[in-house]
Amino acid sequence: MLISVIVLYAGVTSLVESVKKIIRPELPDYSPVALIIIAVAVLVKILLGRYVKGVGEKVNSDSLVASGKDAMLDSVISASTLAAAAIYLIWHISLEAWLGALISLVIIKSGIEMLSDSLSDILGERADSDISKGVKQTICTFPEVHGAYDLVLHSYGPDRLVGSVHIEVPDTMTADRLDQLQRDITQKVMLEHGVILTGISVYSMNTKQDEAALIQEDIRRRVMSHDHALQMHGFYLDERAKEIRFDVVIDFAAPDRAAAYRAIVEEIEKAYPGYAVAASLDVDVSD
């Protein structure tokens, strides 16, 4: 983030100086030695920037990638000076200030984008789609698991992801079998994806009542008929307590997520008046 601020500062400073020269133009004085030095500097900065950025991408280091981009942007500034010098020496037209202003805007834009990326990493952002889908697919390879939901991943540096997930399992599983299953899932996900699952919560799935499957499909159809409803999961029908439990995921693009949630709950309550509806509004944090 500090490197991003430096790049942004360099762009703003360059823009200020360019505007000053546009308002009060000065005839440039280019010497062969200075131009040679600038040309060599451009070449060195390009090679250095490409190398550092490449190493940063290889070791997954944001600071090295930012340093590489900084060097590349420095080479752009120097190259603009060479371009302006060539135009002046050939056609005697001084465009240094205008070209400098244009390049400054490009640098400012790059600095803002770099700063935005850094802030996103610090504040948190949506989990990478390939990683989240891969983790869920791995979890679902276990025969006892009938679904993986609510995966939340937190980044603690390069290749250090810690998270939690909900799994759907039959309501006949015992605590000792669940304990072994959670340990097996944690180990397999760590080996295949390098993700540490610190918490695995459980959704129980009806296996003792044939009617539950019919009610589940009907409720799923009703839920998914609503605009902005992305998913329904974690369904369980408790006949003894006369309770229907499920989670519903509402799209962040919905104008009013709470209103969409209430509409779904009200429809289910009317369709099944003999049951208490315990629906949770879930957050769509990963694919």
C-alpha atoms as a PDB file:
ATOM      1  CA  MET A   1       0.000   0.000   0.000  1.00  0.00           C
ATOM      2  CA  LEU A   2       2.933   2.330   0.767  1.00  0.00           C
ATOM      3  CA  ILE A   3       4.354   1.708  -2.715  1.00  0.00           C
ATOM      4  CA  SER A   4       0.946   2.520  -4.202  1.00  0.00           C
ATOM      5  CA  VAL A   5       0.889   5.826  -2.334  1.00  0.00           C
ATOM      6  CA  ILE A   6       4.402   6.620  -3.628  1.00  0.00           C
ATOM      7  CA  VAL A   7       3.277   5.915  -7.212  1.00  0.00           C
ATOM      8  CA  LEU A   8       0.191   8.079  -6.713  1.00  0.00           C
ATOM      9  CA  TYR A   9       2.313  10.886  -5.249  1.00  0.00           C
ATOM     10  CA  ALA A  10       4.727  10.673  -8.191  1.00  0.00           C
ATOM     11  CA  GLY A  11       1.840  10.961 -10.639  1.00  0.00           C
ATOM     12  CA  VAL A  12       0.302  13.961  -8.871  1.00  0.00           C
ATOM     13  CA  THR A  13       3.677  15.718  -8.572  1.00  0.00           C
ATOM     14  CA  SER A  14       4.404  15.099 -12.254  1.00  0.00           C
ATOM     15  CA  LEU A  15       0.976  16.449 -13.205  1.00  0.00           C
ATOM     16  CA  VAL A  16       1.499  19.619 -11.155  1.00  0.00           C
ATOM     17  CA  GLU A  17       4.878  20.272 -12.773  1.00  0.00           C
ATOM     18  CA  SER A  18       3.458  19.608 -16.241  1.00  0.00           C
ATOM     19  CA  VAL A  19       0.579  22.026 -15.689  1.00  0.00           C
ATOM     20  CA  LYS A  20       3.047  24.685 -14.537  1.00  0.00           C
ATOM     21  CA  LYS A  21       5.031  24.278 -17.765  1.00  0.00           C
ATOM     22  CA  ILE A  22       1.847  24.399 -19.842  1.00  0.00           C
ATOM     23  CA  ILE A  23       0.895  27.714 -18.226  1.00  0.00           C
ATOM     24  CA  ARG A  24       4.437  29.063 -18.384  1.00  0.00           C
ATOM     25  CA  PRO A  25       6.204  27.228 -21.224  1.00  0.00           C
ATOM     26  CA  GLU A  26       9.987  27.012 -21.301  1.00  0.00           C
ATOM     27  CA  LEU A  27      12.153  25.998 -24.226  1.00  0.00           C
ATOM     28  CA  PRO A  28      13.847  22.691 -23.401  1.00  0.00           C
ATOM     29  CA  ASP A  29      17.575  22.214 -23.725  1.00  0.00           C
ATOM     30  CA  TYR A  30      18.535  18.625 -24.443  1.00  0.00           C
ATOM     31  CA  SER A  31      22.149  17.476 -24.380  1.00  0.00           C
ATOM     32  CA  PRO A  32      23.269  14.211 -26.041  1.00  0.00           C
ATOM     33  CA  VAL A  33      24.715  12.907 -22.774  1.00  0.00           C
ATOM     34  CA  ALA A  34      21.458  13.513 -20.905  1.00  0.00           C
ATOM     35  CA  LEU A  35      19.427  11.750 -23.596  1.00  0.00           C
ATOM     36  CA  ILE A  36      21.769   8.746 -23.557  1.00  0.00           C
ATOM     37  CA  ILE A  37      21.494   8.504 -19.778  1.00  0.00           C
ATOM     38  CA  ILE A  38      17.682   8.687 -19.974  1.00  0.00           C
ATOM     39  CA  ALA A  39      17.593   6.012 -22.699  1.00  0.00           C
ATOM     40  CA  VAL A  40      19.737   3.673 -20.589  1.00  0.00           C
ATOM     41  CA  ALA A  41      17.544   4.410 -17.556  1.00  0.00           C
ATOM     42  CA  VAL A  42      14.425   3.484 -19.528  1.00  0.00           C
ATOM     43  CA  LEU A  43      15.932   0.164 -20.578  1.00  0.00           C
ATOM     44  CA  VAL A  44      17.163  -0.662 -17.073  1.00  0.00           C
ATOM     45  CA  LYS A  45      13.812   0.231 -15.465  1.00  0.00           C
ATOM     46  CA  ILE A  46      11.880  -1.907 -17.952  1.00  0.00           C
ATOM     47  CA  LEU A  47      14.121  -4.920 -17.355  1.00  0.00           C
ATOM     48  CA  LEU A  48      14.098  -4.364 -13.588  1.00  0.00           C
ATOM     49  CA  GLY A  49      10.326  -3.880 -13.489  1.00  0.00           C
ATOM     50  CA  ARG A  50       9.623  -7.019 -15.522  1.00  0.00           C
ATOM     51  CA  TYR A  51      11.998  -9.069 -13.406  1.00  0.00           C
ATOM     52  CA  VAL A  52      10.704  -7.873 -10.021  1.00  0.00           C
ATOM     53  CA  LYS A  53       7.063  -8.207 -11.097  1.00  0.00           C
ATOM     54  CA  GLY A  54       7.725 -11.713 -12.412  1.00  0.00           C
ATOM     55  CA  VAL A  55       9.370 -12.774  -9.154  1.00  0.00           C
ATOM     56  CA  GLY A  56       6.472 -11.234  -7.205  1.00  0.00           C
ATOM     57  CA  GLU A  57       3.917 -13.221  -9.193  1.00  0.00           C
ATOM     58  CA  LYS A  58       5.985 -16.380  -8.792  1.00  0.00           C
ATOM     59  CA  VAL A  59       6.194 -16.117  -4.991  1.00  0.00           C
ATOM     60  CA  ASN A  60       2.740 -14.500  -4.665  1.00  0.00           C
ATOM     61  CA  SER A  61       4.102 -11.277  -3.117  1.00  0.00           C
ATOM     62  CA  ASP A  62       1.931  -8.196  -3.581  1.00  0.00           C
ATOM     63  CA  SER A  63       4.729  -5.859  -2.481  1.00  0.00           C
ATOM     64  CA  LEU A  64       7.147  -7.199  -5.118  1.00  0.00           C
ATOM     65  CA  VAL A  65       4.469  -6.981  -7.822  1.00  0.00           C
ATOM     66  CA  ALA A  66       3.801  -3.378  -6.798  1.00  0.00           C
ATOM     67  CA  SER A  67       7.542  -2.611  -6.859  1.00  0.00           C
ATOM     68  CA  GLY A  68       7.764  -4.027 -10.367  1.00  0.00           C
ATOM     69  CA  LYS A  69       4.839  -1.899 -11.517  1.00  0.00           C
ATOM     70  CA  ASP A  70       6.458   1.150  -9.912  1.00  0.00           C
ATOM     71  CA  ALA A  71       9.662   0.580 -11.903  1.00  0.00           C
ATOM     72  CA  MET A  72       7.665   0.117 -15.112  1.00  0.00           C
ATOM     73  CA  LEU A  73       5.817   3.379 -14.501  1.00  0.00           C
ATOM     74  CA  ASP A  74       9.127   5.145 -13.899  1.00  0.00           C
ATOM     75  CA  SER A  75      10.287   3.881 -17.281  1.00  0.00           C
ATOM     76  CA  VAL A  76       7.135   5.330 -18.861  1.00  0.00           C
ATOM     77  CA  ILE A  77       7.917   8.753 -17.410  1.00  0.00           C
ATOM     78  CA  SER A  78      11.479   8.595 -18.725  1.00  0.00           C
ATOM     79  CA  ALA A  79      10.308   7.330 -22.116  1.00  0.00           C
ATOM     80  CA  SER A  80       7.910  10.257 -22.398  1.00  0.00           C
ATOM     81  CA  THR A  81      10.845  12.579 -21.920  1.00  0.00           C
ATOM     82  CA  LEU A  82      12.696  10.867 -24.781  1.00  0.00           C
ATOM     83  CA  ALA A  83       9.615  11.067 -27.006  1.00  0.00           C
ATOM     84  CA  ALA A  84       9.201  14.772 -26.290  1.00  0.00           C
ATOM     85  CA  ALA A  85      12.900  15.362 -26.966  1.00  0.00           C
ATOM     86  CA  ALA A  86      12.693  13.555 -30.312  1.00  0.00           C
ATOM     87  CA  ILE A  87       9.676  15.610 -31.387  1.00  0.00           C
ATOM     88  CA  TYR A  88      11.399  18.830 -30.395  1.00  0.00           C
ATOM     89  CA  LEU A  89      14.687  17.999 -32.093  1.00  0.00           C
ATOM     90  CA  ILE A  90      13.023  16.879 -35.349  1.00  0.00           C
ATOM     91  CA  TRP A  91      10.095  19.285 -35.694  1.00  0.00           C
ATOM     92  CA  HIS A  92      11.010  21.980 -33.125  1.00  0.00           C
ATOM     93  CA  ILE A  93       7.659  21.510 -31.394  1.00  0.00           C
ATOM     94  CA  SER A  94       7.723  21.478 -27.597  1.00  0.00           C
ATOM     95  CA  LEU A  95       5.181  18.956 -26.336  1.00  0.00           C
ATOM     96  CA  GLU A  96       7.005  17.976 -23.184  1.00  0.00           C
ATOM     97  CA  ALA A  97       4.535  19.597 -20.810  1.00  0.00           C
ATOM     98  CA  TRP A  98       1.423  18.205 -22.558  1.00  0.00           C
ATOM     99  CA  LEU A  99       2.928  14.745 -22.887  1.00  0.00           C
ATOM    100  CA  GLY A 100       3.989  14.887 -19.257  1.00  0.00           C
ATOM    101  CA  ALA A 101       0.447  15.754 -18.184  1.00  0.00           C
ATOM    102  CA  LEU A 102      -0.960  12.838 -20.173  1.00  0.00           C
ATOM    103  CA  ILE A 103       1.546  10.374 -18.732  1.00  0.00           C
ATOM    104  CA  SER A 104       0.866  11.755 -15.251  1.00  0.00           C
ATOM    105  CA  LEU A 105      -2.831  10.922 -15.575  1.00  0.00           C
ATOM    106  CA  VAL A 106      -1.934   7.356 -16.591  1.00  0.00           C
ATOM    107  CA  ILE A 107       0.334   7.040 -13.550  1.00  0.00           C
ATOM    108  CA  ILE A 108      -2.334   8.465 -11.229  1.00  0.00           C
ATOM    109  CA  LYS A 109      -4.831   5.936 -12.593  1.00  0.00           C
ATOM    110  CA  SER A 110      -2.363   3.095 -12.026  1.00  0.00           C
ATOM    111  CA  GLY A 111      -1.612   4.336  -8.507  1.00  0.00           C
ATOM    112  CA  ILE A 112      -5.308   4.427  -7.621  1.00  0.00           C
ATOM    113  CA  GLU A 113      -5.811   0.895  -8.984  1.00  0.00           C
ATOM    114  CA  MET A 114      -2.807  -0.413  -7.035  1.00  0.00           C
ATOM    115  CA  LEU A 115      -4.037   1.286  -3.867  1.00  0.00           C
ATOM    116  CA  SER A 116      -7.522  -0.125  -4.383  1.00  0.00           C
ATOM    117  CA  ASP A 117      -6.142  -3.652  -4.742  1.00  0.00           C
ATOM    118  CA  SER A 118      -4.084  -3.268  -1.566  1.00  0.00           C
ATOM    119  CA  LEU A 119      -7.045  -1.948   0.413  1.00  0.00           C
ATOM    120  CA  SER A 120      -9.201  -4.827  -0.855  1.00  0.00           C
ATOM    121  CA  ASP A 121      -6.661  -7.308   0.491  1.00  0.00           C
ATOM    122  CA  ILE A 122      -6.605  -5.535   3.864  1.00  0.00           C
ATOM    123  CA  LEU A 123     -10.365  -5.051   4.243  1.00  0.00           C
ATOM    124  CA  GLY A 124     -11.281  -8.414   2.731  1.00  0.00           C
ATOM    125  CA  GLU A 125     -12.789  -9.421  -0.593  1.00  0.00           C
ATOM    126  CA  ARG A 126     -14.769 -12.225  -2.145  1.00  0.00           C
ATOM    127  CA  ALA A 127     -12.964 -15.558  -2.181  1.00  0.00           C
ATOM    128  CA  ASP A 128     -11.417 -16.596  -5.473  1.00  0.00           C
ATOM    129  CA  SER A 129     -14.022 -18.539  -7.437  1.00  0.00           C
ATOM    130  CA  ASP A 130     -11.686 -21.370  -8.495  1.00  0.00           C
ATOM    131  CA  ILE A 131     -10.484 -21.933  -4.925  1.00  0.00           C
ATOM    132  CA  SER A 132     -13.950 -21.846  -3.329  1.00  0.00           C
ATOM    133  CA  LYS A 133     -15.446 -24.172  -5.957  1.00  0.00           C
ATOM    134  CA  GLY A 134     -12.468 -26.518  -5.664  1.00  0.00           C
ATOM    135  CA  VAL A 135     -12.747 -26.730  -1.874  1.00  0.00           C
ATOM    136  CA  LYS A 136     -16.485 -27.456  -2.046  1.00  0.00           C
ATOM    137  CA  GLN A 137     -15.979 -30.133  -4.704  1.00  0.00           C
ATOM    138  CA  THR A 138     -13.316 -31.797  -2.560  1.00  0.00           C
ATOM    139  CA  ILE A 139     -15.610 -31.792   0.470  1.00  0.00           C
ATOM    140  CA  CYS A 140     -18.442 -33.313  -1.554  1.00  0.00           C
ATOM    141  CA  THR A 141     -16.254 -36.263  -2.609  1.00  0.00           C
ATOM    142  CA  PHE A 142     -16.990 -37.813   0.780  1.00  0.00           C
ATOM    143  CA  PRO A 143     -20.048 -40.068   0.409  1.00  0.00           C
ATOM    144  CA  GLU A 144     -21.592 -38.898   3.681  1.00  0.00           C
ATOM    145  CA  VAL A 145     -21.567 -35.246   2.548  1.00  0.00           C
ATOM    146  CA  HIS A 146     -24.597 -34.211   0.484  1.00  0.00           C
ATOM    147  CA  GLY A 147     -23.642 -30.552   0.103  1.00  0.00           C
ATOM    148  CA  ALA A 148     -21.093 -27.911   1.136  1.00  0.00           C
ATOM    149  CA  TYR A 149     -22.300 -24.372   1.802  1.00  0.00           C
ATOM    150  CA  ASP A 150     -21.414 -21.035   3.415  1.00  0.00           C
ATOM    151  CA  LEU A 151     -17.693 -21.339   2.733  1.00  0.00           C
ATOM    152  CA  VAL A 152     -15.898 -18.323   4.202  1.00  0.00           C
ATOM    153  CA  LEU A 153     -12.175 -17.847   3.514  1.00  0.00           C
ATOM    154  CA  HIS A 154      -9.853 -15.336   5.189  1.00  0.00           C
ATOM    155  CA  SER A 155      -6.448 -14.457   3.750  1.00  0.00           C
ATOM    156  CA  TYR A 156      -3.490 -14.194   6.122  1.00  0.00           C
ATOM    157  CA  GLY A 157      -0.820 -13.620   3.518  1.00  0.00           C
ATOM    158  CA  PRO A 158       0.388 -15.402   0.373  1.00  0.00           C
ATOM    159  CA  ASP A 159      -1.025 -18.958   0.180  1.00  0.00           C
ATOM    160  CA  ARG A 160      -2.398 -18.738   3.719  1.00  0.00           C
ATOM    161  CA  LEU A 161      -6.152 -19.182   3.671  1.00  0.00           C
ATOM    162  CA  VAL A 162      -8.168 -20.037   6.770  1.00  0.00           C
ATOM    163  CA  GLY A 163     -11.879 -20.668   6.634  1.00  0.00           C
ATOM    164  CA  SER A 164     -15.048 -22.399   7.741  1.00  0.00           C
ATOM    165  CA  VAL A 165     -17.832 -24.276   5.988  1.00  0.00           C
ATOM    166  CA  HIS A 166     -21.221 -25.938   6.517  1.00  0.00           C
ATOM    167  CA  ILE A 167     -21.765 -29.530   5.372  1.00  0.00           C
ATOM    168  CA  GLU A 168     -25.036 -31.380   4.923  1.00  0.00           C
ATOM    169  CA  VAL A 169     -25.054 -34.909   6.358  1.00  0.00           C
ATOM    170  CA  PRO A 170     -27.720 -37.502   7.207  1.00  0.00           C
ATOM    171  CA  ASP A 171     -29.497 -37.039  10.538  1.00  0.00           C
ATOM    172  CA  THR A 172     -28.533 -40.601  11.502  1.00  0.00           C
ATOM    173  CA  MET A 173     -24.828 -39.885  11.871  1.00  0.00           C
ATOM    174  CA  THR A 174     -23.369 -40.277  15.333  1.00  0.00           C
ATOM    175  CA  ALA A 175     -20.987 -37.845  17.019  1.00  0.00           C
ATOM    176  CA  ASP A 176     -17.978 -40.162  16.700  1.00  0.00           C
ATOM    177  CA  ARG A 177     -18.565 -40.592  12.937  1.00  0.00           C
ATOM    178  CA  LEU A 178     -19.027 -36.841  12.507  1.00  0.00           C
ATOM    179  CA  ASP A 179     -15.792 -36.203  14.379  1.00  0.00           C
ATOM    180  CA  GLN A 180     -13.850 -38.548  12.095  1.00  0.00           C
ATOM    181  CA  LEU A 181     -15.513 -37.089   8.987  1.00  0.00           C
ATOM    182  CA  GLN A 182     -14.556 -33.533   9.961  1.00  0.00           C
ATOM    183  CA  ARG A 183     -10.955 -34.576  10.571  1.00  0.00           C
ATOM    184  CA  ASP A 184     -10.799 -36.350   7.190  1.00  0.00           C
ATOM    185  CA  ILE A 185     -12.276 -33.333   5.383  1.00  0.00           C
ATOM    186  CA  THR A 186      -9.863 -30.926   7.080  1.00  0.00           C
ATOM    187  CA  GLN A 187      -6.856 -33.053   6.128  1.00  0.00           C
ATOM    188  CA  LYS A 188      -7.918 -33.570   2.500  1.00  0.00           C
ATOM    189  CA  VAL A 189      -8.728 -29.898   1.904  1.00  0.00           C
ATOM    190  CA  MET A 190      -5.377 -28.892   3.398  1.00  0.00           C
ATOM    191  CA  LEU A 191      -3.439 -31.343   1.221  1.00  0.00           C
ATOM    192  CA  GLU A 192      -5.251 -30.512  -2.036  1.00  0.00           C
ATOM    193  CA  HIS A 193      -5.843 -26.763  -1.667  1.00  0.00           C
ATOM    194  CA  GLY A 194      -3.612 -25.513   1.165  1.00  0.00           C
ATOM    195  CA  VAL A 195      -6.710 -24.188   2.932  1.00  0.00           C
ATOM    196  CA  ILE A 196      -7.016 -24.613   6.700  1.00  0.00           C
ATOM    197  CA  LEU A 197     -10.604 -25.289   7.764  1.00  0.00           C
ATOM    198  CA  THR A 198     -10.847 -24.217  11.394  1.00  0.00           C
ATOM    199  CA  GLY A 199     -14.570 -24.866  11.634  1.00  0.00           C
ATOM    200  CA  ILE A 200     -16.970 -27.333  10.002  1.00  0.00           C
ATOM    201  CA  SER A 201     -20.605 -26.883  10.979  1.00  0.00           C
ATOM    202  CA  VAL A 202     -23.363 -29.373  10.246  1.00  0.00           C
ATOM    203  CA  TYR A 203     -26.753 -29.268   8.528  1.00  0.00           C
ATOM    204  CA  SER A 204     -28.777 -32.400   9.261  1.00  0.00           C
ATOM    205  CA  MET A 205     -30.643 -33.979   6.350  1.00  0.00           C
ATOM    206  CA  ASN A 206     -33.945 -35.819   6.743  1.00  0.00           C
ATOM    207  CA  THR A 207     -33.615 -39.561   6.149  1.00  0.00           C
ATOM    208  CA  LYS A 208     -36.446 -40.961   8.306  1.00  0.00           C
ATOM    209  CA  GLN A 209     -39.452 -39.250   6.674  1.00  0.00           C
ATOM    210  CA  ASP A 210     -40.492 -39.664   3.053  1.00  0.00           C
ATOM    211  CA  GLU A 211     -42.797 -36.642   3.329  1.00  0.00           C
ATOM    212  CA  ALA A 212     -39.822 -34.390   4.149  1.00  0.00           C
ATOM    213  CA  ALA A 213     -38.340 -34.785   0.663  1.00  0.00           C
ATOM    214  CA  LEU A 214     -41.607 -33.736  -0.987  1.00  0.00           C
ATOM    215  CA  ILE A 215     -41.963 -30.704   1.278  1.00  0.00           C
ATOM    216  CA  GLN A 216     -38.320 -29.763   0.659  1.00  0.00           C
ATOM    217  CA  GLU A 217     -38.771 -29.776  -3.118  1.00  0.00           C
ATOM    218  CA  ASP A 218     -41.965 -27.742  -2.870  1.00  0.00           C
ATOM    219  CA  ILE A 219     -40.332 -25.140  -0.619  1.00  0.00           C
ATOM    220  CA  ARG A 220     -37.262 -25.018  -2.868  1.00  0.00           C
ATOM    221  CA  ARG A 221     -39.503 -24.331  -5.866  1.00  0.00           C
ATOM    222  CA  ARG A 222     -41.301 -21.555  -4.002  1.00  0.00           C
ATOM    223  CA  VAL A 223     -38.069 -19.971  -2.781  1.00  0.00           C
ATOM    224  CA  MET A 224     -36.331 -20.040  -6.163  1.00  0.00           C
ATOM    225  CA  SER A 225     -39.369 -18.491  -7.866  1.00  0.00           C
ATOM    226  CA  HIS A 226     -38.591 -15.224  -6.076  1.00  0.00           C
ATOM    227  CA  ASP A 227     -36.395 -12.642  -7.747  1.00  0.00           C
ATOM    228  CA  HIS A 228     -32.833 -12.404  -6.370  1.00  0.00           C
ATOM    229  CA  ALA A 229     -33.082 -15.768  -4.541  1.00  0.00           C
ATOM    230  CA  LEU A 230     -29.815 -17.537  -5.364  1.00  0.00           C
ATOM    231  CA  GLN A 231     -29.972 -20.673  -3.267  1.00  0.00           C
ATOM    232  CA  MET A 232     -31.826 -22.607  -0.568  1.00  0.00           C
ATOM    233  CA  HIS A 233     -29.945 -25.082   1.582  1.00  0.00           C
ATOM    234  CA  GLY A 234     -29.774 -26.541   5.078  1.00  0.00           C
ATOM    235  CA  PHE A 235     -33.386 -27.781   4.937  1.00  0.00           C
ATOM    236  CA  TYR A 236     -34.704 -29.878   7.813  1.00  0.00           C
ATOM    237  CA  LEU A 237     -38.245 -30.837   8.760  1.00  0.00           C
ATOM    238  CA  ASP A 238     -38.715 -31.455  12.479  1.00  0.00           C
ATOM    239  CA  GLU A 239     -42.076 -33.191  12.785  1.00  0.00           C
ATOM    240  CA  ARG A 240     -41.919 -33.467  16.543  1.00  0.00           C
ATOM    241  CA  ALA A 241     -41.373 -29.745  17.034  1.00  0.00           C
ATOM    242  CA  LYS A 242     -43.472 -28.868  13.972  1.00  0.00           C
ATOM    243  CA  GLU A 243     -40.662 -26.715  12.612  1.00  0.00           C
ATOM    244  CA  ILE A 244     -39.223 -26.133   9.117  1.00  0.00           C
ATOM    245  CA  ARG A 245     -35.620 -24.946   8.997  1.00  0.00           C
ATOM    246  CA  PHE A 246     -33.645 -23.740   6.002  1.00  0.00           C
ATOM    247  CA  ASP A 247     -31.233 -21.023   4.857  1.00  0.00           C
ATOM    248  CA  VAL A 248     -31.850 -18.785   1.873  1.00  0.00           C
ATOM    249  CA  VAL A 249     -29.209 -16.811  -0.034  1.00  0.00           C
ATOM    250  CA  ILE A 250     -30.359 -13.457  -1.424  1.00  0.00           C
ATOM    251  CA  ASP A 251     -28.324 -11.681  -4.104  1.00  0.00           C
ATOM    252  CA  PHE A 252     -26.512  -8.531  -2.975  1.00  0.00           C
ATOM    253  CA  ALA A 253     -27.953  -6.888  -6.100  1.00  0.00           C
ATOM    254  CA  ALA A 254     -31.471  -7.051  -4.618  1.00  0.00           C
ATOM    255  CA  PRO A 255     -32.859  -3.542  -3.943  1.00  0.00           C
ATOM    256  CA  ASP A 256     -34.050  -4.661  -0.499  1.00  0.00           C
ATOM    257  CA  ARG A 257     -32.656  -7.999   0.684  1.00  0.00           C
ATOM    258  CA  ALA A 258     -34.626  -7.900   3.925  1.00  0.00           C
ATOM    259  CA  ALA A 259     -37.911  -7.372   2.055  1.00  0.00           C
ATOM    260  CA  ALA A 260     -37.114 -10.234  -0.330  1.00  0.00           C
ATOM    261  CA  TYR A 261     -36.377 -12.457   2.657  1.00  0.00           C
ATOM    262  CA  ARG A 262     -39.632 -11.528   4.419  1.00  0.00           C
ATOM    263  CA  ALA A 263     -41.644 -12.228   1.268  1.00  0.00           C
ATOM    264  CA  ILE A 264     -40.191 -15.738   1.070  1.00  0.00           C
ATOM    265  CA  VAL A 265     -40.864 -16.498   4.744  1.00  0.00           C
ATOM    266  CA  GLU A 266     -44.444 -15.200   4.531  1.00  0.00           C
ATOM    267  CA  GLU A 267     -45.187 -17.397   1.515  1.00  0.00           C
ATOM    268  CA  ILE A 268     -43.829 -20.522   3.225  1.00  0.00           C
ATOM    269  CA  GLU A 269     -45.790 -19.750   6.405  1.00  0.00           C
ATOM    270  CA  LYS A 270     -49.022 -19.466   4.407  1.00  0.00           C
ATOM    271  CA  ALA A 271     -48.297 -22.684   2.514  1.00  0.00           C
ATOM    272  CA  TYR A 272     -47.536 -24.602   5.730  1.00  0.00           C
ATOM    273  CA  PRO A 273     -49.634 -23.023   8.530  1.00  0.00           C
ATOM    274  CA  GLY A 274     -49.087 -25.944  10.872  1.00  0.00           C
ATOM    275  CA  TYR A 275     -45.353 -25.383  11.055  1.00  0.00           C
ATOM    276  CA  ALA A 276     -43.085 -22.734  12.500  1.00  0.00           C
ATOM    277  CA  VAL A 277     -40.737 -21.465   9.772  1.00  0.00           C
ATOM    278  CA  ALA A 278     -37.175 -20.865  10.973  1.00  0.00           C
ATOM    279  CA  ALA A 279     -35.479 -19.424   7.889  1.00  0.00           C
ATOM    280  CA  SER A 280     -32.078 -17.770   8.040  1.00  0.00           C
ATOM    281  CA  LEU A 281     -30.974 -15.045   5.629  1.00  0.00           C
ATOM    282  CA  ASP A 282     -27.589 -16.209   4.405  1.00  0.00           C
ATOM    283  CA  VAL A 283     -24.790 -14.213   2.822  1.00  0.00           C
ATOM    284  CA  ASP A 284     -23.439 -15.006  -0.646  1.00  0.00           C
ATOM    285  CA  VAL A 285     -19.734 -14.735   0.174  1.00  0.00           C
ATOM    286  CA  SER A 286     -18.306 -17.432  -2.106  1.00  0.00           C
ATOM    287  CA  ASP A 287     -19.185 -19.315  -5.286  1.00  0.00           C
END
